[in-house]
C-alpha atoms as a PDB file:
ATOM      1  CA  LEU A   1       4.383  -5.019 -10.582  1.00  0.00           C
ATOM      2  CA  SER A   2       5.297  -8.215 -12.359  1.00  0.00           C
ATOM      3  CA  ARG A   3       2.998 -11.222 -12.273  1.00  0.00           C
ATOM      4  CA  ARG A   4       5.180 -12.655  -9.516  1.00  0.00           C
ATOM      5  CA  TYR A   5       3.838 -10.026  -7.120  1.00  0.00           C
ATOM      6  CA  VAL A   6       0.398  -8.740  -6.159  1.00  0.00           C
ATOM      7  CA  GLY A   7      -0.284  -5.296  -4.697  1.00  0.00           C
ATOM      8  CA  SER A   8      -3.219  -4.624  -2.386  1.00  0.00           C
ATOM      9  CA  PRO A   9      -4.055  -1.028  -1.453  1.00  0.00           C
ATOM     10  CA  LEU A  10      -5.037  -0.649   2.200  1.00  0.00           C
ATOM     11  CA  VAL A  11      -5.666   3.033   2.919  1.00  0.00           C
ATOM     12  CA  PRO A  12      -5.525   6.245   0.897  1.00  0.00           C
ATOM     13  CA  GLU A  13      -2.783   8.757   1.658  1.00  0.00           C
ATOM     14  CA  ARG A  14      -2.403  12.410   0.793  1.00  0.00           C
ATOM     15  CA  ILE A  15       0.420  14.913   0.631  1.00  0.00           C
ATOM     16  CA  VAL A  16       0.637  17.951   2.923  1.00  0.00           C
ATOM     17  CA  LEU A  17       3.187  20.715   3.365  1.00  0.00           C
ATOM     18  CA  VAL A  18       4.997  20.789   6.698  1.00  0.00           C
ATOM     19  CA  VAL A  19       6.606  23.999   7.878  1.00  0.00           C
ATOM     20  CA  PRO A  20       8.392  25.060  11.054  1.00  0.00           C
ATOM     21  CA  PRO A  21       5.981  26.111  13.815  1.00  0.00           C
ATOM     22  CA  GLY A  22       4.685  29.620  13.109  1.00  0.00           C
ATOM     23  CA  LEU A  23       5.735  29.761   9.438  1.00  0.00           C
ATOM     24  CA  SER A  24       2.310  28.891   7.966  1.00  0.00           C
ATOM     25  CA  ARG A  25       1.306  31.715   5.662  1.00  0.00           C
ATOM     26  CA  SER A  26      -0.515  30.217   2.688  1.00  0.00           C
ATOM     27  CA  ALA A  27      -2.107  27.073   1.284  1.00  0.00           C
ATOM     28  CA  VAL A  28      -0.357  27.621  -2.068  1.00  0.00           C
ATOM     29  CA  LEU A  29       2.896  25.690  -2.523  1.00  0.00           C
ATOM     30  CA  ALA A  30       4.380  28.400  -4.785  1.00  0.00           C
ATOM     31  CA  ASP A  31       4.196  30.873  -1.891  1.00  0.00           C
ATOM     32  CA  TYR A  32       7.019  28.874  -0.264  1.00  0.00           C
ATOM     33  CA  ARG A  33       9.270  28.976  -3.366  1.00  0.00           C
ATOM     34  CA  ASP A  34      11.930  31.050  -1.591  1.00  0.00           C
ATOM     35  CA  GLU A  35      12.187  28.672   1.369  1.00  0.00           C
ATOM     36  CA  PRO A  36      14.751  25.879   1.462  1.00  0.00           C
ATOM     37  CA  PHE A  37      13.175  22.430   1.115  1.00  0.00           C
ATOM     38  CA  ALA A  38      13.971  19.200   2.916  1.00  0.00           C
ATOM     39  CA  CYS A  39      13.068  15.989   1.117  1.00  0.00           C
ATOM     40  CA  LEU A  40      13.733  12.307   0.822  1.00  0.00           C
ATOM     41  CA  VAL A  41      16.740  11.413  -1.320  1.00  0.00           C
ATOM     42  CA  ALA A  42      16.757  11.803  -5.086  1.00  0.00           C
ATOM     43  CA  GLY A  43      15.203   8.762  -6.714  1.00  0.00           C
ATOM     44  CA  SER A  44      12.518   8.398  -4.047  1.00  0.00           C
ATOM     45  CA  GLY A  45       8.844   8.783  -4.853  1.00  0.00           C
ATOM     46  CA  LEU A  46       8.446  11.777  -2.542  1.00  0.00           C
ATOM     47  CA  HIS A  47      11.384  13.547  -4.199  1.00  0.00           C
ATOM     48  CA  ALA A  48       9.723  13.094  -7.599  1.00  0.00           C
ATOM     49  CA  ILE A  49       6.390  14.296  -6.177  1.00  0.00           C
ATOM     50  CA  LEU A  50       8.031  17.498  -4.860  1.00  0.00           C
ATOM     51  CA  LEU A  51       9.756  18.233  -8.171  1.00  0.00           C
ATOM     52  CA  ALA A  52       6.553  17.669 -10.161  1.00  0.00           C
ATOM     53  CA  ALA A  53       4.377  19.716  -7.779  1.00  0.00           C
ATOM     54  CA  ALA A  54       6.815  22.643  -7.794  1.00  0.00           C
ATOM     55  CA  SER A  55       7.144  22.498 -11.576  1.00  0.00           C
ATOM     56  CA  ALA A  56       3.346  22.566 -11.925  1.00  0.00           C
ATOM     57  CA  GLU A  57       3.376  25.786  -9.883  1.00  0.00           C
ATOM     58  CA  GLY A  58       6.168  27.343 -11.919  1.00  0.00           C
ATOM     59  CA  PHE A  59       9.266  26.983  -9.771  1.00  0.00           C
ATOM     60  CA  GLU A  60      12.151  24.671  -8.989  1.00  0.00           C
ATOM     61  CA  PRO A  61      12.517  23.927  -5.273  1.00  0.00           C
ATOM     62  CA  ARG A  62      15.866  24.582  -3.628  1.00  0.00           C
ATOM     63  CA  ILE A  63      16.448  21.275  -1.839  1.00  0.00           C
ATOM     64  CA  ASP A  64      19.035  22.019   0.835  1.00  0.00           C
ATOM     65  CA  PHE A  65      18.590  18.794   2.817  1.00  0.00           C
ATOM     66  CA  GLU A  66      17.933  15.198   1.790  1.00  0.00           C
ATOM     67  CA  ALA A  67      17.302  12.331   4.192  1.00  0.00           C
ATOM     68  CA  ASP A  68      16.591   8.603   4.015  1.00  0.00           C
ATOM     69  CA  GLN A  69      13.597   8.652   6.368  1.00  0.00           C
ATOM     70  CA  PRO A  70      10.440  10.801   6.404  1.00  0.00           C
ATOM     71  CA  ALA A  71      10.818  11.243  10.182  1.00  0.00           C
ATOM     72  CA  THR A  72      14.238  12.820   9.595  1.00  0.00           C
ATOM     73  CA  VAL A  73      12.757  15.205   7.037  1.00  0.00           C
ATOM     74  CA  ARG A  74      10.152  16.193   9.623  1.00  0.00           C
ATOM     75  CA  ALA A  75      12.886  16.776  12.248  1.00  0.00           C
ATOM     76  CA  LEU A  76      14.776  19.035   9.823  1.00  0.00           C
ATOM     77  CA  VAL A  77      11.621  21.089   9.268  1.00  0.00           C
ATOM     78  CA  SER A  78      10.910  21.266  12.998  1.00  0.00           C
ATOM     79  CA  ALA A  79      14.446  22.607  13.520  1.00  0.00           C
ATOM     80  CA  GLY A  80      13.657  25.461  11.131  1.00  0.00           C
ATOM     81  CA  LEU A  81      15.933  24.270   8.330  1.00  0.00           C
ATOM     82  CA  GLY A  82      13.293  24.190   5.601  1.00  0.00           C
ATOM     83  CA  VAL A  83       9.817  23.151   4.535  1.00  0.00           C
ATOM     84  CA  ALA A  84       8.762  19.801   3.054  1.00  0.00           C
ATOM     85  CA  LEU A  85       6.038  17.825   1.373  1.00  0.00           C
ATOM     86  CA  LEU A  86       5.245  14.708   3.390  1.00  0.00           C
ATOM     87  CA  ALA A  87       2.545  12.093   3.629  1.00  0.00           C
ATOM     88  CA  ALA A  88      -0.179  13.333   5.985  1.00  0.00           C
ATOM     89  CA  SER A  89       0.266  10.244   8.175  1.00  0.00           C
ATOM     90  CA  THR A  90       3.922  11.196   8.789  1.00  0.00           C
ATOM     91  CA  ALA A  91       3.153  14.874   9.278  1.00  0.00           C
ATOM     92  CA  ARG A  92       0.499  14.150  11.893  1.00  0.00           C
ATOM     93  CA  SER A  93       2.266  11.334  13.720  1.00  0.00           C
ATOM     94  CA  PRO A  94       3.978  11.933  17.082  1.00  0.00           C
ATOM     95  CA  GLY A  95       7.283  13.705  16.680  1.00  0.00           C
ATOM     96  CA  PRO A  96       8.968  17.075  16.679  1.00  0.00           C
ATOM     97  CA  PRO A  97       6.489  19.960  16.291  1.00  0.00           C
ATOM     98  CA  VAL A  98       5.626  21.171  12.791  1.00  0.00           C
ATOM     99  CA  ASP A  99       2.719  23.098  11.316  1.00  0.00           C
ATOM    100  CA  VAL A 100       0.749  21.091   8.761  1.00  0.00           C
ATOM    101  CA  VAL A 101      -0.571  23.008   5.751  1.00  0.00           C
ATOM    102  CA  GLU A 102      -3.253  21.471   3.549  1.00  0.00           C
ATOM    103  CA  VAL A 103      -2.086  22.775   0.169  1.00  0.00           C
ATOM    104  CA  ARG A 104      -4.774  24.002  -2.176  1.00  0.00           C
ATOM    105  CA  GLN A 105      -3.780  21.666  -5.027  1.00  0.00           C
ATOM    106  CA  PRO A 106      -2.130  18.702  -3.300  1.00  0.00           C
ATOM    107  CA  PRO A 107      -0.088  16.351  -5.455  1.00  0.00           C
ATOM    108  CA  GLU A 108      -1.277  12.763  -5.616  1.00  0.00           C
ATOM    109  CA  HIS A 109       0.217  10.116  -3.368  1.00  0.00           C
ATOM    110  CA  PRO A 110      -0.242   6.399  -4.029  1.00  0.00           C
ATOM    111  CA  PRO A 111      -2.298   4.546  -1.408  1.00  0.00           C
ATOM    112  CA  LEU A 112      -0.514   2.702   1.357  1.00  0.00           C
ATOM    113  CA  GLY A 113      -0.636  -1.013   0.753  1.00  0.00           C
ATOM    114  CA  VAL A 114       0.955  -4.409   0.864  1.00  0.00           C
ATOM    115  CA  ILE A 115       2.972  -6.154  -1.835  1.00  0.00           C
ATOM    116  CA  ARG A 116       3.316  -9.935  -1.666  1.00  0.00           C
ATOM    117  CA  ARG A 117       4.309 -12.824  -3.908  1.00  0.00           C
ATOM    118  CA  SER A 118       1.539 -14.184  -6.111  1.00  0.00           C
ATOM    119  CA  GLY A 119      -0.008 -17.246  -4.509  1.00  0.00           C
ATOM    120  CA  ALA A 120       1.363 -16.446  -1.049  1.00  0.00           C
ATOM    121  CA  VAL A 121      -1.078 -16.256   1.827  1.00  0.00           C
ATOM    122  CA  ALA A 122      -1.690 -12.655   2.872  1.00  0.00           C
ATOM    123  CA  ALA A 123      -0.617 -11.628   6.346  1.00  0.00           C
ATOM    124  CA  PRO A 124      -3.468 -10.747   8.737  1.00  0.00           C
ATOM    125  CA  VAL A 125      -2.841  -7.017   8.336  1.00  0.00           C
ATOM    126  CA  ALA A 126      -3.348  -7.329   4.573  1.00  0.00           C
ATOM    127  CA  THR A 127      -6.824  -8.701   5.121  1.00  0.00           C
ATOM    128  CA  LEU A 128      -7.783  -5.886   7.500  1.00  0.00           C
ATOM    129  CA  GLN A 129      -9.040  -3.674   4.650  1.00  0.00           C
ATOM    130  CA  SER A 130     -11.665  -6.236   3.637  1.00  0.00           C
ATOM    131  CA  VAL A 131     -12.918  -6.337   7.227  1.00  0.00           C
ATOM    132  CA  LEU A 132     -13.104  -2.535   7.461  1.00  0.00           C
ATOM    133  CA  SER A 133     -14.811  -2.088   4.088  1.00  0.00           C
END
């Protein structure tokens, strides 16, 4: 971030694998190499995370579906059209049914946070972390 903006992490987040109900078979990402993947669009952080995680496990994911919203990615997986890496908060939120797999070597995900202009007063939600800590 430039000096014009300040970032404040609020809560940690982690990456999980979501699969159609009943498809869970392993906690190793490479064991899903032959499945089609759904992901956020190229250029997004989650897309880069998927490519790096798959590369680290020795394969290139076949991304058959891209979407603008994590909830859409989850819906594609629920419909049986692929598997996906998603933030755990998205995977476990209300929505179409998916199985959530805690992968053995999960890729890192940046914490969820707030970005604001330097010198601006933080919104009440941005101060919540200091109250909870």
